[in-house]
Amino acid sequence: MTVKAVVYHGPGDLRVENIDAPILNEGDALLEVSYCGLCGTDVKTYRRGHHMFTPPCILGHEVVGKIAEIAGKSERSDIAVGDLVAVAPYVPCYGCAYCRKGREELCVNKGWIEGAFAEYVRIPAEVISKGTFHVSSAENLKLGCLSEPLACCVNAVEDSHVGLGDTVMIIGAGPMGLLMLELCKTVGVSKILVSEPNDFRRKKASERGGVVLDPAEAGVDVSAWAKEQSDGVGADVVFVCVGTVDAVNSALGCVRKGGTVNIFGGLPGGSSLSIDPHILHYDEVILTGSFGFTPLQFHTALTMLTCGTIDAGSIITHEFDIDEAKEAFDMASSGEALKILLKVGCNA
């Protein structure tokens, strides 16, 4: 049997091709893909390549769908053929030094799914066991695609100890920045400042309750603005949701003494920061980063999305059929969209 898939052949080169159906091992499952979201890493890879993805290969990991087949005996008696599920793209081993320290997102022996921009994808037995969760209804499948990106936000908010009454600043109002905004609202922060040069995205942040600023406007001093909006002291936590050194430097000027700057967006390889050590020593600013998520955080994100705790549906702005994959990636590169989904299966 052959299945349709979006194959990445190099920067700017995506082709919809027929490939061999996945071969299952004992305990694996075959997922009939309903939707798969485009993430920032997918778009970066399409535009300029990525060291983790050697072409030809299939991208995509924000996936939901229906269990079509289970090979042999599964470790999960609660998952059966026909179930609608959201699938974490990776799971920890629970045995390495990092897992034993409770830092499962840093696991060095992760089990991964294969690329999910395809009609069917193999879900390895360990991912079925640790990282596959029921979606309550077909109506919630689209929201389930946001589980992975929101789980990353959950990890960052927990790492940064965002608390009741805090002033939070978010630099960058793309899909991740807006999910971070919504999550911080549920934590009970008092104010969310958002710095975003794109008019479309800045408007979306404002509609969601953010106090917004265009950092590209002539004469704007982002640091002075952040302090003005926070009783003269700066934000308690600043999330840098774009991958530039300039954004990190801006964040260090916007955080209060004793506050936290979280580098949430990945910076290009070879980037370097020059930091005044007085900021870390005398002002006791914490500079940290957050990457990935744990299975518990993935399940938390899925639950918050499908129960309506997080108002995230309008973050999905576009849907494309799998045959329109190149158009979807071009739209994602334009800055005029938020989250884009590829609609793949007949149960979508």
C-alpha atoms as a PDB file:
ATOM      1  CA  MET A   1       0.000   0.000   0.000  1.00  0.00           C
ATOM      2  CA  THR A   2       1.166   3.526  -0.731  1.00  0.00           C
ATOM      3  CA  VAL A   3       0.193   6.698   1.123  1.00  0.00           C
ATOM      4  CA  LYS A   4       0.374  10.361   0.246  1.00  0.00           C
ATOM      5  CA  ALA A   5       3.026  12.415   2.059  1.00  0.00           C
ATOM      6  CA  VAL A   6       4.678  15.822   1.879  1.00  0.00           C
ATOM      7  CA  VAL A   7       8.364  15.149   1.297  1.00  0.00           C
ATOM      8  CA  TYR A   8      10.982  17.814   2.027  1.00  0.00           C
ATOM      9  CA  HIS A   9      13.779  17.706  -0.560  1.00  0.00           C
ATOM     10  CA  GLY A  10      15.672  20.827   0.533  1.00  0.00           C
ATOM     11  CA  PRO A  11      15.049  24.542   1.119  1.00  0.00           C
ATOM     12  CA  GLY A  12      12.038  25.698  -0.877  1.00  0.00           C
ATOM     13  CA  ASP A  13      11.455  22.199  -2.275  1.00  0.00           C
ATOM     14  CA  LEU A  14       8.363  20.349  -1.011  1.00  0.00           C
ATOM     15  CA  ARG A  15       6.728  17.607  -3.047  1.00  0.00           C
ATOM     16  CA  VAL A  16       3.528  15.664  -2.455  1.00  0.00           C
ATOM     17  CA  GLU A  17       4.490  12.079  -3.233  1.00  0.00           C
ATOM     18  CA  ASN A  18       3.215   8.539  -2.831  1.00  0.00           C
ATOM     19  CA  ILE A  19       5.397   6.566  -0.444  1.00  0.00           C
ATOM     20  CA  ASP A  20       5.241   3.102   1.059  1.00  0.00           C
ATOM     21  CA  ALA A  21       2.897   2.768   4.007  1.00  0.00           C
ATOM     22  CA  PRO A  22       4.647   2.571   7.405  1.00  0.00           C
ATOM     23  CA  ILE A  23       5.665  -0.893   8.624  1.00  0.00           C
ATOM     24  CA  LEU A  24       4.599  -1.611  12.189  1.00  0.00           C
ATOM     25  CA  ASN A  25       6.552  -3.480  14.847  1.00  0.00           C
ATOM     26  CA  GLU A  26       5.009  -5.267  17.825  1.00  0.00           C
ATOM     27  CA  GLY A  27       3.022  -2.807  19.937  1.00  0.00           C
ATOM     28  CA  ASP A  28       3.159  -0.001  17.355  1.00  0.00           C
ATOM     29  CA  ALA A  29       0.059   1.727  16.076  1.00  0.00           C
ATOM     30  CA  LEU A  30      -0.846   3.178  12.696  1.00  0.00           C
ATOM     31  CA  LEU A  31      -2.378   6.640  12.925  1.00  0.00           C
ATOM     32  CA  GLU A  32      -4.682   7.892  10.211  1.00  0.00           C
ATOM     33  CA  VAL A  33      -3.756  11.579  10.315  1.00  0.00           C
ATOM     34  CA  SER A  34      -6.606  14.085  10.530  1.00  0.00           C
ATOM     35  CA  TYR A  35      -4.669  17.325  10.944  1.00  0.00           C
ATOM     36  CA  CYS A  36      -1.053  18.298  11.414  1.00  0.00           C
ATOM     37  CA  GLY A  37       0.033  21.806  12.369  1.00  0.00           C
ATOM     38  CA  LEU A  38       2.897  23.759  10.837  1.00  0.00           C
ATOM     39  CA  CYS A  39       5.348  24.915  13.476  1.00  0.00           C
ATOM     40  CA  GLY A  40       8.130  27.477  13.340  1.00  0.00           C
ATOM     41  CA  THR A  41      10.776  24.773  12.960  1.00  0.00           C
ATOM     42  CA  ASP A  42       8.963  23.304   9.956  1.00  0.00           C
ATOM     43  CA  VAL A  43       8.873  26.736   8.320  1.00  0.00           C
ATOM     44  CA  LYS A  44      12.539  27.489   9.107  1.00  0.00           C
ATOM     45  CA  THR A  45      13.526  24.126   7.638  1.00  0.00           C
ATOM     46  CA  TYR A  46      11.535  24.807   4.481  1.00  0.00           C
ATOM     47  CA  ARG A  47      13.065  28.251   4.062  1.00  0.00           C
ATOM     48  CA  ARG A  48      16.735  27.598   4.848  1.00  0.00           C
ATOM     49  CA  GLY A  49      17.268  24.011   6.015  1.00  0.00           C
ATOM     50  CA  HIS A  50      17.886  22.575   9.462  1.00  0.00           C
ATOM     51  CA  HIS A  51      20.681  20.446  10.901  1.00  0.00           C
ATOM     52  CA  MET A  52      18.175  17.982  12.385  1.00  0.00           C
ATOM     53  CA  PHE A  53      16.408  17.233   9.079  1.00  0.00           C
ATOM     54  CA  THR A  54      18.348  15.671   6.222  1.00  0.00           C
ATOM     55  CA  PRO A  55      16.393  15.602   2.948  1.00  0.00           C
ATOM     56  CA  PRO A  56      14.563  13.758   1.649  1.00  0.00           C
ATOM     57  CA  CYS A  57      12.388  13.435   4.743  1.00  0.00           C
ATOM     58  CA  ILE A  58       8.896  14.112   6.027  1.00  0.00           C
ATOM     59  CA  LEU A  59       8.358  16.999   8.440  1.00  0.00           C
ATOM     60  CA  GLY A  60       5.442  17.598  10.814  1.00  0.00           C
ATOM     61  CA  HIS A  61       4.842  16.690  14.447  1.00  0.00           C
ATOM     62  CA  GLU A  62       1.770  18.579  15.763  1.00  0.00           C
ATOM     63  CA  VAL A  63      -0.492  15.684  14.894  1.00  0.00           C
ATOM     64  CA  VAL A  64      -3.949  14.341  15.701  1.00  0.00           C
ATOM     65  CA  GLY A  65      -5.905  11.529  14.126  1.00  0.00           C
ATOM     66  CA  LYS A  66      -7.581   8.154  14.442  1.00  0.00           C
ATOM     67  CA  ILE A  67      -5.971   4.862  15.437  1.00  0.00           C
ATOM     68  CA  ALA A  68      -6.262   2.711  12.302  1.00  0.00           C
ATOM     69  CA  GLU A  69      -4.323  -0.372  13.420  1.00  0.00           C
ATOM     70  CA  ILE A  70      -2.435  -1.763  16.397  1.00  0.00           C
ATOM     71  CA  ALA A  71       0.230  -4.402  15.783  1.00  0.00           C
ATOM     72  CA  GLY A  72       0.009  -7.238  18.268  1.00  0.00           C
ATOM     73  CA  LYS A  73      -0.473  -6.442  21.944  1.00  0.00           C
ATOM     74  CA  SER A  74      -0.323  -2.823  23.080  1.00  0.00           C
ATOM     75  CA  GLU A  75       0.821  -1.677  26.525  1.00  0.00           C
ATOM     76  CA  ARG A  76      -2.201   0.627  26.593  1.00  0.00           C
ATOM     77  CA  SER A  77      -5.414  -1.301  27.136  1.00  0.00           C
ATOM     78  CA  ASP A  78      -7.366   1.987  27.030  1.00  0.00           C
ATOM     79  CA  ILE A  79      -6.419   2.768  23.413  1.00  0.00           C
ATOM     80  CA  ALA A  80      -8.164   0.884  20.628  1.00  0.00           C
ATOM     81  CA  VAL A  81      -8.626   0.999  16.878  1.00  0.00           C
ATOM     82  CA  GLY A  82     -10.997   3.840  16.014  1.00  0.00           C
ATOM     83  CA  ASP A  83      -9.987   6.088  18.921  1.00  0.00           C
ATOM     84  CA  LEU A  84      -9.286   9.768  18.238  1.00  0.00           C
ATOM     85  CA  VAL A  85      -5.966  10.815  19.754  1.00  0.00           C
ATOM     86  CA  ALA A  86      -3.374  13.563  20.033  1.00  0.00           C
ATOM     87  CA  VAL A  87       0.180  12.274  19.887  1.00  0.00           C
ATOM     88  CA  ALA A  88       3.232  13.790  21.536  1.00  0.00           C
ATOM     89  CA  PRO A  89       6.042  13.815  18.962  1.00  0.00           C
ATOM     90  CA  TYR A  90       8.522  12.411  21.468  1.00  0.00           C
ATOM     91  CA  VAL A  91       8.604  10.770  24.885  1.00  0.00           C
ATOM     92  CA  PRO A  92      11.352  10.404  27.508  1.00  0.00           C
ATOM     93  CA  CYS A  93      13.057   7.178  28.489  1.00  0.00           C
ATOM     94  CA  TYR A  94      12.551   7.801  32.248  1.00  0.00           C
ATOM     95  CA  GLY A  95      15.921   6.154  32.888  1.00  0.00           C
ATOM     96  CA  CYS A  96      18.686   8.582  31.867  1.00  0.00           C
ATOM     97  CA  ALA A  97      20.402  11.043  34.210  1.00  0.00           C
ATOM     98  CA  TYR A  98      18.118  13.907  33.145  1.00  0.00           C
ATOM     99  CA  CYS A  99      14.901  11.921  33.538  1.00  0.00           C
ATOM    100  CA  ARG A 100      16.044  10.819  37.005  1.00  0.00           C
ATOM    101  CA  LYS A 101      16.430  14.495  37.898  1.00  0.00           C
ATOM    102  CA  GLY A 102      12.869  15.210  36.745  1.00  0.00           C
ATOM    103  CA  ARG A 103      14.007  16.995  33.571  1.00  0.00           C
ATOM    104  CA  GLU A 104      12.289  14.677  31.133  1.00  0.00           C
ATOM    105  CA  GLU A 105      12.238  17.302  28.367  1.00  0.00           C
ATOM    106  CA  LEU A 106      16.054  17.039  28.295  1.00  0.00           C
ATOM    107  CA  CYS A 107      16.069  13.238  27.970  1.00  0.00           C
ATOM    108  CA  VAL A 108      18.933  11.966  25.806  1.00  0.00           C
ATOM    109  CA  ASN A 109      17.137   8.747  24.808  1.00  0.00           C
ATOM    110  CA  LYS A 110      13.824  10.055  23.514  1.00  0.00           C
ATOM    111  CA  GLY A 111      11.510   7.956  21.433  1.00  0.00           C
ATOM    112  CA  TRP A 112      10.180   9.844  18.384  1.00  0.00           C
ATOM    113  CA  ILE A 113       7.347   9.595  15.921  1.00  0.00           C
ATOM    114  CA  GLU A 114       8.074   9.811  12.229  1.00  0.00           C
ATOM    115  CA  GLY A 115       7.162  12.855  10.120  1.00  0.00           C
ATOM    116  CA  ALA A 116       3.417  13.427  10.229  1.00  0.00           C
ATOM    117  CA  PHE A 117       2.682  15.407   7.057  1.00  0.00           C
ATOM    118  CA  ALA A 118       1.322  12.178   5.636  1.00  0.00           C
ATOM    119  CA  GLU A 119      -1.934  10.253   5.406  1.00  0.00           C
ATOM    120  CA  TYR A 120      -0.646   7.635   7.837  1.00  0.00           C
ATOM    121  CA  VAL A 121       2.168   7.686  10.371  1.00  0.00           C
ATOM    122  CA  ARG A 122       3.666   4.980  12.568  1.00  0.00           C
ATOM    123  CA  ILE A 123       3.347   5.589  16.307  1.00  0.00           C
ATOM    124  CA  PRO A 124       6.092   3.582  18.069  1.00  0.00           C
ATOM    125  CA  ALA A 125       5.046   1.416  20.990  1.00  0.00           C
ATOM    126  CA  GLU A 126       6.807   3.639  23.536  1.00  0.00           C
ATOM    127  CA  VAL A 127       4.981   6.726  22.228  1.00  0.00           C
ATOM    128  CA  ILE A 128       1.668   4.878  22.417  1.00  0.00           C
ATOM    129  CA  SER A 129       2.543   3.924  25.989  1.00  0.00           C
ATOM    130  CA  LYS A 130       3.741   7.311  27.264  1.00  0.00           C
ATOM    131  CA  GLY A 131       2.586  10.072  24.929  1.00  0.00           C
ATOM    132  CA  THR A 132      -0.746   9.269  23.259  1.00  0.00           C
ATOM    133  CA  PHE A 133      -3.941  10.758  24.694  1.00  0.00           C
ATOM    134  CA  HIS A 134      -7.624  10.615  23.820  1.00  0.00           C
ATOM    135  CA  VAL A 135      -9.323  13.560  22.138  1.00  0.00           C
ATOM    136  CA  SER A 136     -12.870  13.796  23.416  1.00  0.00           C
ATOM    137  CA  SER A 137     -14.603  14.444  20.080  1.00  0.00           C
ATOM    138  CA  ALA A 138     -13.987  15.078  16.411  1.00  0.00           C
ATOM    139  CA  GLU A 139     -14.851  18.730  17.027  1.00  0.00           C
ATOM    140  CA  ASN A 140     -11.793  19.007  19.259  1.00  0.00           C
ATOM    141  CA  LEU A 141      -9.293  17.538  16.816  1.00  0.00           C
ATOM    142  CA  LYS A 142      -8.141  20.919  15.525  1.00  0.00           C
ATOM    143  CA  LEU A 143      -7.561  22.180  19.067  1.00  0.00           C
ATOM    144  CA  GLY A 144      -5.629  18.990  19.764  1.00  0.00           C
ATOM    145  CA  CYS A 145      -3.062  20.114  17.173  1.00  0.00           C
ATOM    146  CA  LEU A 146      -2.132  22.937  19.555  1.00  0.00           C
ATOM    147  CA  SER A 147      -1.258  20.533  22.384  1.00  0.00           C
ATOM    148  CA  GLU A 148       2.436  20.316  21.511  1.00  0.00           C
ATOM    149  CA  PRO A 149       3.099  24.072  21.180  1.00  0.00           C
ATOM    150  CA  LEU A 150       1.016  24.857  24.264  1.00  0.00           C
ATOM    151  CA  ALA A 151       2.871  22.143  26.194  1.00  0.00           C
ATOM    152  CA  CYS A 152       6.118  23.972  25.421  1.00  0.00           C
ATOM    153  CA  CYS A 153       4.538  27.128  26.882  1.00  0.00           C
ATOM    154  CA  VAL A 154       3.459  25.208  29.990  1.00  0.00           C
ATOM    155  CA  ASN A 155       7.067  24.115  30.477  1.00  0.00           C
ATOM    156  CA  ALA A 156       8.314  27.706  30.119  1.00  0.00           C
ATOM    157  CA  VAL A 157       5.721  29.172  32.494  1.00  0.00           C
ATOM    158  CA  GLU A 158       6.562  26.525  35.098  1.00  0.00           C
ATOM    159  CA  ASP A 159      10.316  27.034  34.625  1.00  0.00           C
ATOM    160  CA  SER A 160       9.910  30.799  35.076  1.00  0.00           C
ATOM    161  CA  HIS A 161       7.628  30.558  38.137  1.00  0.00           C
ATOM    162  CA  VAL A 162       5.004  32.938  36.764  1.00  0.00           C
ATOM    163  CA  GLY A 163       2.679  33.820  39.624  1.00  0.00           C
ATOM    164  CA  LEU A 164      -0.511  35.577  40.643  1.00  0.00           C
ATOM    165  CA  GLY A 165      -0.407  39.310  40.075  1.00  0.00           C
ATOM    166  CA  ASP A 166       2.823  39.261  38.051  1.00  0.00           C
ATOM    167  CA  THR A 167       3.514  41.574  35.151  1.00  0.00           C
ATOM    168  CA  VAL A 168       4.640  39.462  32.207  1.00  0.00           C
ATOM    169  CA  MET A 169       6.168  40.708  28.981  1.00  0.00           C
ATOM    170  CA  ILE A 170       6.111  38.729  25.743  1.00  0.00           C
ATOM    171  CA  ILE A 171       8.419  39.674  22.889  1.00  0.00           C
ATOM    172  CA  GLY A 172       6.875  38.362  19.682  1.00  0.00           C
ATOM    173  CA  ALA A 173       3.165  37.727  19.081  1.00  0.00           C
ATOM    174  CA  GLY A 174       3.294  34.828  16.675  1.00  0.00           C
ATOM    175  CA  PRO A 175       1.405  31.613  17.456  1.00  0.00           C
ATOM    176  CA  MET A 176       3.732  30.748  20.351  1.00  0.00           C
ATOM    177  CA  GLY A 177       3.615  34.252  21.797  1.00  0.00           C
ATOM    178  CA  LEU A 178      -0.182  34.274  21.678  1.00  0.00           C
ATOM    179  CA  LEU A 179      -0.417  30.837  23.284  1.00  0.00           C
ATOM    180  CA  MET A 180       1.944  32.103  25.993  1.00  0.00           C
ATOM    181  CA  LEU A 181      -0.318  35.127  26.471  1.00  0.00           C
ATOM    182  CA  GLU A 182      -3.401  32.936  26.897  1.00  0.00           C
ATOM    183  CA  LEU A 183      -1.620  30.594  29.289  1.00  0.00           C
ATOM    184  CA  CYS A 184      -0.352  33.473  31.446  1.00  0.00           C
ATOM    185  CA  LYS A 185      -3.921  34.774  31.701  1.00  0.00           C
ATOM    186  CA  THR A 186      -4.994  31.458  33.234  1.00  0.00           C
ATOM    187  CA  VAL A 187      -2.171  31.694  35.797  1.00  0.00           C
ATOM    188  CA  GLY A 188      -3.622  34.979  37.066  1.00  0.00           C
ATOM    189  CA  VAL A 189      -1.069  37.594  36.037  1.00  0.00           C
ATOM    190  CA  SER A 190      -2.095  41.229  36.422  1.00  0.00           C
ATOM    191  CA  LYS A 191      -0.783  42.602  33.122  1.00  0.00           C
ATOM    192  CA  ILE A 192       0.722  41.227  29.917  1.00  0.00           C
ATOM    193  CA  LEU A 193       2.931  43.503  27.846  1.00  0.00           C
ATOM    194  CA  VAL A 194       3.526  42.540  24.223  1.00  0.00           C
ATOM    195  CA  SER A 195       6.188  43.886  21.876  1.00  0.00           C
ATOM    196  CA  GLU A 196       5.461  43.011  18.229  1.00  0.00           C
ATOM    197  CA  PRO A 197       6.330  44.910  15.015  1.00  0.00           C
ATOM    198  CA  ASN A 198       3.827  43.077  12.776  1.00  0.00           C
ATOM    199  CA  ASP A 199       0.510  44.974  12.649  1.00  0.00           C
ATOM    200  CA  PHE A 200      -1.620  41.860  12.166  1.00  0.00           C
ATOM    201  CA  ARG A 201      -0.073  39.994  15.085  1.00  0.00           C
ATOM    202  CA  ARG A 202       0.030  43.047  17.343  1.00  0.00           C
ATOM    203  CA  LYS A 203      -3.706  43.521  16.794  1.00  0.00           C
ATOM    204  CA  LYS A 204      -4.357  39.886  17.695  1.00  0.00           C
ATOM    205  CA  ALA A 205      -2.410  40.323  20.940  1.00  0.00           C
ATOM    206  CA  SER A 206      -4.378  43.453  21.782  1.00  0.00           C
ATOM    207  CA  GLU A 207      -7.680  41.673  21.152  1.00  0.00           C
ATOM    208  CA  ARG A 208      -6.592  39.044  23.660  1.00  0.00           C
ATOM    209  CA  GLY A 209      -5.919  41.584  26.393  1.00  0.00           C
ATOM    210  CA  GLY A 210      -2.256  42.354  25.861  1.00  0.00           C
ATOM    211  CA  VAL A 211      -0.909  45.885  26.286  1.00  0.00           C
ATOM    212  CA  VAL A 212       0.898  46.228  22.979  1.00  0.00           C
ATOM    213  CA  LEU A 213       3.793  48.186  21.526  1.00  0.00           C
ATOM    214  CA  ASP A 214       5.321  48.462  18.060  1.00  0.00           C
ATOM    215  CA  PRO A 215       9.073  48.343  18.780  1.00  0.00           C
ATOM    216  CA  ALA A 216       9.841  49.475  15.231  1.00  0.00           C
ATOM    217  CA  GLU A 217       8.017  52.771  15.606  1.00  0.00           C
ATOM    218  CA  ALA A 218      10.315  55.783  15.420  1.00  0.00           C
ATOM    219  CA  GLY A 219      11.492  57.050  18.773  1.00  0.00           C
ATOM    220  CA  VAL A 220      10.221  54.069  20.767  1.00  0.00           C
ATOM    221  CA  ASP A 221      12.277  53.026  23.802  1.00  0.00           C
ATOM    222  CA  VAL A 222      11.036  49.519  24.635  1.00  0.00           C
ATOM    223  CA  SER A 223      12.782  49.408  28.012  1.00  0.00           C
ATOM    224  CA  ALA A 224      11.356  52.751  29.106  1.00  0.00           C
ATOM    225  CA  TRP A 225       7.887  51.676  27.972  1.00  0.00           C
ATOM    226  CA  ALA A 226       8.080  48.390  29.900  1.00  0.00           C
ATOM    227  CA  LYS A 227       9.076  50.219  33.079  1.00  0.00           C
ATOM    228  CA  GLU A 228       6.352  52.829  32.566  1.00  0.00           C
ATOM    229  CA  GLN A 229       3.805  50.009  32.354  1.00  0.00           C
ATOM    230  CA  SER A 230       5.073  48.326  35.530  1.00  0.00           C
ATOM    231  CA  ASP A 231       5.332  51.043  38.203  1.00  0.00           C
ATOM    232  CA  GLY A 232       8.844  51.938  37.096  1.00  0.00           C
ATOM    233  CA  VAL A 233      10.460  48.570  37.874  1.00  0.00           C
ATOM    234  CA  GLY A 234      10.058  46.349  34.802  1.00  0.00           C
ATOM    235  CA  ALA A 235       8.322  43.045  34.129  1.00  0.00           C
ATOM    236  CA  ASP A 236       8.543  40.149  36.561  1.00  0.00           C
ATOM    237  CA  VAL A 237       9.062  37.689  33.699  1.00  0.00           C
ATOM    238  CA  VAL A 238       9.973  38.355  30.067  1.00  0.00           C
ATOM    239  CA  PHE A 239       9.449  35.603  27.490  1.00  0.00           C
ATOM    240  CA  VAL A 240      11.490  36.042  24.315  1.00  0.00           C
ATOM    241  CA  CYS A 241       9.300  34.298  21.732  1.00  0.00           C
ATOM    242  CA  VAL A 242      11.388  35.239  18.706  1.00  0.00           C
ATOM    243  CA  GLY A 243      14.782  33.876  17.774  1.00  0.00           C
ATOM    244  CA  THR A 244      17.032  36.930  17.669  1.00  0.00           C
ATOM    245  CA  VAL A 245      19.865  38.190  19.854  1.00  0.00           C
ATOM    246  CA  ASP A 246      18.431  41.712  19.663  1.00  0.00           C
ATOM    247  CA  ALA A 247      15.203  40.473  21.255  1.00  0.00           C
ATOM    248  CA  VAL A 248      17.141  38.931  24.154  1.00  0.00           C
ATOM    249  CA  ASN A 249      19.056  42.168  24.670  1.00  0.00           C
ATOM    250  CA  SER A 250      15.786  44.061  24.656  1.00  0.00           C
ATOM    251  CA  ALA A 251      14.354  41.678  27.251  1.00  0.00           C
ATOM    252  CA  LEU A 252      17.273  42.294  29.614  1.00  0.00           C
ATOM    253  CA  GLY A 253      16.383  45.991  29.581  1.00  0.00           C
ATOM    254  CA  CYS A 254      12.724  45.292  30.356  1.00  0.00           C
ATOM    255  CA  VAL A 255      12.974  42.925  33.339  1.00  0.00           C
ATOM    256  CA  ARG A 256      12.885  44.053  36.966  1.00  0.00           C
ATOM    257  CA  LYS A 257      15.555  43.317  39.545  1.00  0.00           C
ATOM    258  CA  GLY A 258      15.128  39.742  40.682  1.00  0.00           C
ATOM    259  CA  GLY A 259      13.050  38.954  37.600  1.00  0.00           C
ATOM    260  CA  THR A 260      13.444  36.287  34.932  1.00  0.00           C
ATOM    261  CA  VAL A 261      14.217  36.451  31.223  1.00  0.00           C
ATOM    262  CA  ASN A 262      13.295  33.241  29.412  1.00  0.00           C
ATOM    263  CA  ILE A 263      14.811  32.613  25.981  1.00  0.00           C
ATOM    264  CA  PHE A 264      11.879  30.678  24.556  1.00  0.00           C
ATOM    265  CA  GLY A 265      12.508  31.111  20.835  1.00  0.00           C
ATOM    266  CA  GLY A 266      15.476  29.214  19.437  1.00  0.00           C
ATOM    267  CA  LEU A 267      18.370  31.400  18.255  1.00  0.00           C
ATOM    268  CA  PRO A 268      20.284  30.571  15.054  1.00  0.00           C
ATOM    269  CA  GLY A 269      23.356  28.393  15.427  1.00  0.00           C
ATOM    270  CA  GLY A 270      26.487  30.380  16.186  1.00  0.00           C
ATOM    271  CA  SER A 271      24.610  33.171  17.955  1.00  0.00           C
ATOM    272  CA  SER A 272      26.296  34.785  20.948  1.00  0.00           C
ATOM    273  CA  LEU A 273      25.180  37.154  23.681  1.00  0.00           C
ATOM    274  CA  SER A 274      27.160  39.905  25.364  1.00  0.00           C
ATOM    275  CA  ILE A 275      25.718  40.519  28.843  1.00  0.00           C
ATOM    276  CA  ASP A 276      26.687  42.993  31.514  1.00  0.00           C
ATOM    277  CA  PRO A 277      27.368  40.636  34.467  1.00  0.00           C
ATOM    278  CA  HIS A 278      26.121  43.311  36.872  1.00  0.00           C
ATOM    279  CA  ILE A 279      22.602  42.532  35.643  1.00  0.00           C
ATOM    280  CA  LEU A 280      22.986  38.973  36.861  1.00  0.00           C
ATOM    281  CA  HIS A 281      24.986  39.716  39.996  1.00  0.00           C
ATOM    282  CA  TYR A 282      23.734  42.981  41.488  1.00  0.00           C
ATOM    283  CA  ASP A 283      20.223  42.888  40.015  1.00  0.00           C
ATOM    284  CA  GLU A 284      19.862  39.117  40.503  1.00  0.00           C
ATOM    285  CA  VAL A 285      18.186  38.723  37.141  1.00  0.00           C
ATOM    286  CA  ILE A 286      17.755  35.096  36.122  1.00  0.00           C
ATOM    287  CA  LEU A 287      18.517  34.363  32.461  1.00  0.00           C
ATOM    288  CA  THR A 288      17.191  30.973  31.447  1.00  0.00           C
ATOM    289  CA  GLY A 289      15.652  29.085  28.568  1.00  0.00           C
ATOM    290  CA  SER A 290      12.957  26.483  28.095  1.00  0.00           C
ATOM    291  CA  PHE A 291      12.854  23.763  25.485  1.00  0.00           C
ATOM    292  CA  GLY A 292      10.248  21.109  24.819  1.00  0.00           C
ATOM    293  CA  PHE A 293       7.834  19.505  27.244  1.00  0.00           C
ATOM    294  CA  THR A 294       7.066  16.402  29.283  1.00  0.00           C
ATOM    295  CA  PRO A 295       4.204  13.953  28.667  1.00  0.00           C
ATOM    296  CA  LEU A 296       2.405  15.393  31.699  1.00  0.00           C
ATOM    297  CA  GLN A 297       2.700  18.914  30.267  1.00  0.00           C
ATOM    298  CA  PHE A 298       1.405  17.656  26.911  1.00  0.00           C
ATOM    299  CA  HIS A 299      -1.627  16.099  28.607  1.00  0.00           C
ATOM    300  CA  THR A 300      -2.167  19.274  30.647  1.00  0.00           C
ATOM    301  CA  ALA A 301      -2.122  21.356  27.457  1.00  0.00           C
ATOM    302  CA  LEU A 302      -4.558  19.031  25.670  1.00  0.00           C
ATOM    303  CA  THR A 303      -6.939  19.117  28.630  1.00  0.00           C
ATOM    304  CA  MET A 304      -6.840  22.910  28.890  1.00  0.00           C
ATOM    305  CA  LEU A 305      -7.520  23.263  25.171  1.00  0.00           C
ATOM    306  CA  THR A 306     -10.378  20.794  24.877  1.00  0.00           C
ATOM    307  CA  CYS A 307     -12.066  21.896  28.121  1.00  0.00           C
ATOM    308  CA  GLY A 308     -12.028  25.551  27.065  1.00  0.00           C
ATOM    309  CA  THR A 309      -9.629  26.756  29.751  1.00  0.00           C
ATOM    310  CA  ILE A 310      -7.434  28.190  27.006  1.00  0.00           C
ATOM    311  CA  ASP A 311      -9.142  30.306  24.333  1.00  0.00           C
ATOM    312  CA  ALA A 312      -6.957  29.266  21.440  1.00  0.00           C
ATOM    313  CA  GLY A 313      -9.236  28.318  18.553  1.00  0.00           C
ATOM    314  CA  SER A 314      -8.860  31.640  16.740  1.00  0.00           C
ATOM    315  CA  ILE A 315      -5.070  31.221  16.756  1.00  0.00           C
ATOM    316  CA  ILE A 316      -5.726  28.741  13.944  1.00  0.00           C
ATOM    317  CA  THR A 317      -6.159  31.116  11.022  1.00  0.00           C
ATOM    318  CA  HIS A 318      -5.747  28.881   7.957  1.00  0.00           C
ATOM    319  CA  GLU A 319      -6.327  25.309   6.794  1.00  0.00           C
ATOM    320  CA  PHE A 320      -4.892  23.738   3.658  1.00  0.00           C
ATOM    321  CA  ASP A 321      -5.378  20.296   2.144  1.00  0.00           C
ATOM    322  CA  ILE A 322      -2.302  18.096   1.977  1.00  0.00           C
ATOM    323  CA  ASP A 323      -2.065  18.714  -1.789  1.00  0.00           C
ATOM    324  CA  GLU A 324      -1.687  22.429  -1.005  1.00  0.00           C
ATOM    325  CA  ALA A 325       1.286  21.948   1.316  1.00  0.00           C
ATOM    326  CA  LYS A 326       3.587  24.328  -0.550  1.00  0.00           C
ATOM    327  CA  GLU A 327       0.952  27.070  -0.461  1.00  0.00           C
ATOM    328  CA  ALA A 328       0.572  26.436   3.280  1.00  0.00           C
ATOM    329  CA  PHE A 329       4.297  26.841   3.886  1.00  0.00           C
ATOM    330  CA  ASP A 330       4.440  29.970   1.755  1.00  0.00           C
ATOM    331  CA  MET A 331       1.549  31.464   3.737  1.00  0.00           C
ATOM    332  CA  ALA A 332       3.286  30.575   7.004  1.00  0.00           C
ATOM    333  CA  SER A 333       6.377  32.407   5.763  1.00  0.00           C
ATOM    334  CA  SER A 334       4.426  35.557   4.918  1.00  0.00           C
ATOM    335  CA  GLY A 335       3.770  36.812   8.457  1.00  0.00           C
ATOM    336  CA  GLU A 336       0.077  37.214   7.600  1.00  0.00           C
ATOM    337  CA  ALA A 337      -1.024  34.030   9.339  1.00  0.00           C
ATOM    338  CA  LEU A 338      -0.874  32.529  12.811  1.00  0.00           C
ATOM    339  CA  LYS A 339      -1.265  28.769  13.166  1.00  0.00           C
ATOM    340  CA  ILE A 340      -1.783  26.855   9.925  1.00  0.00           C
ATOM    341  CA  LEU A 341      -3.096  23.290   9.776  1.00  0.00           C
ATOM    342  CA  LEU A 342      -2.760  20.734   7.019  1.00  0.00           C
ATOM    343  CA  LYS A 343      -6.035  18.850   6.697  1.00  0.00           C
ATOM    344  CA  VAL A 344      -5.112  15.312   5.772  1.00  0.00           C
ATOM    345  CA  GLY A 345      -7.586  12.533   6.555  1.00  0.00           C
ATOM    346  CA  CYS A 346     -11.196  11.854   5.684  1.00  0.00           C
ATOM    347  CA  ASN A 347     -12.108  12.004   9.405  1.00  0.00           C
ATOM    348  CA  ALA A 348     -10.947  15.638   9.573  1.00  0.00           C
END
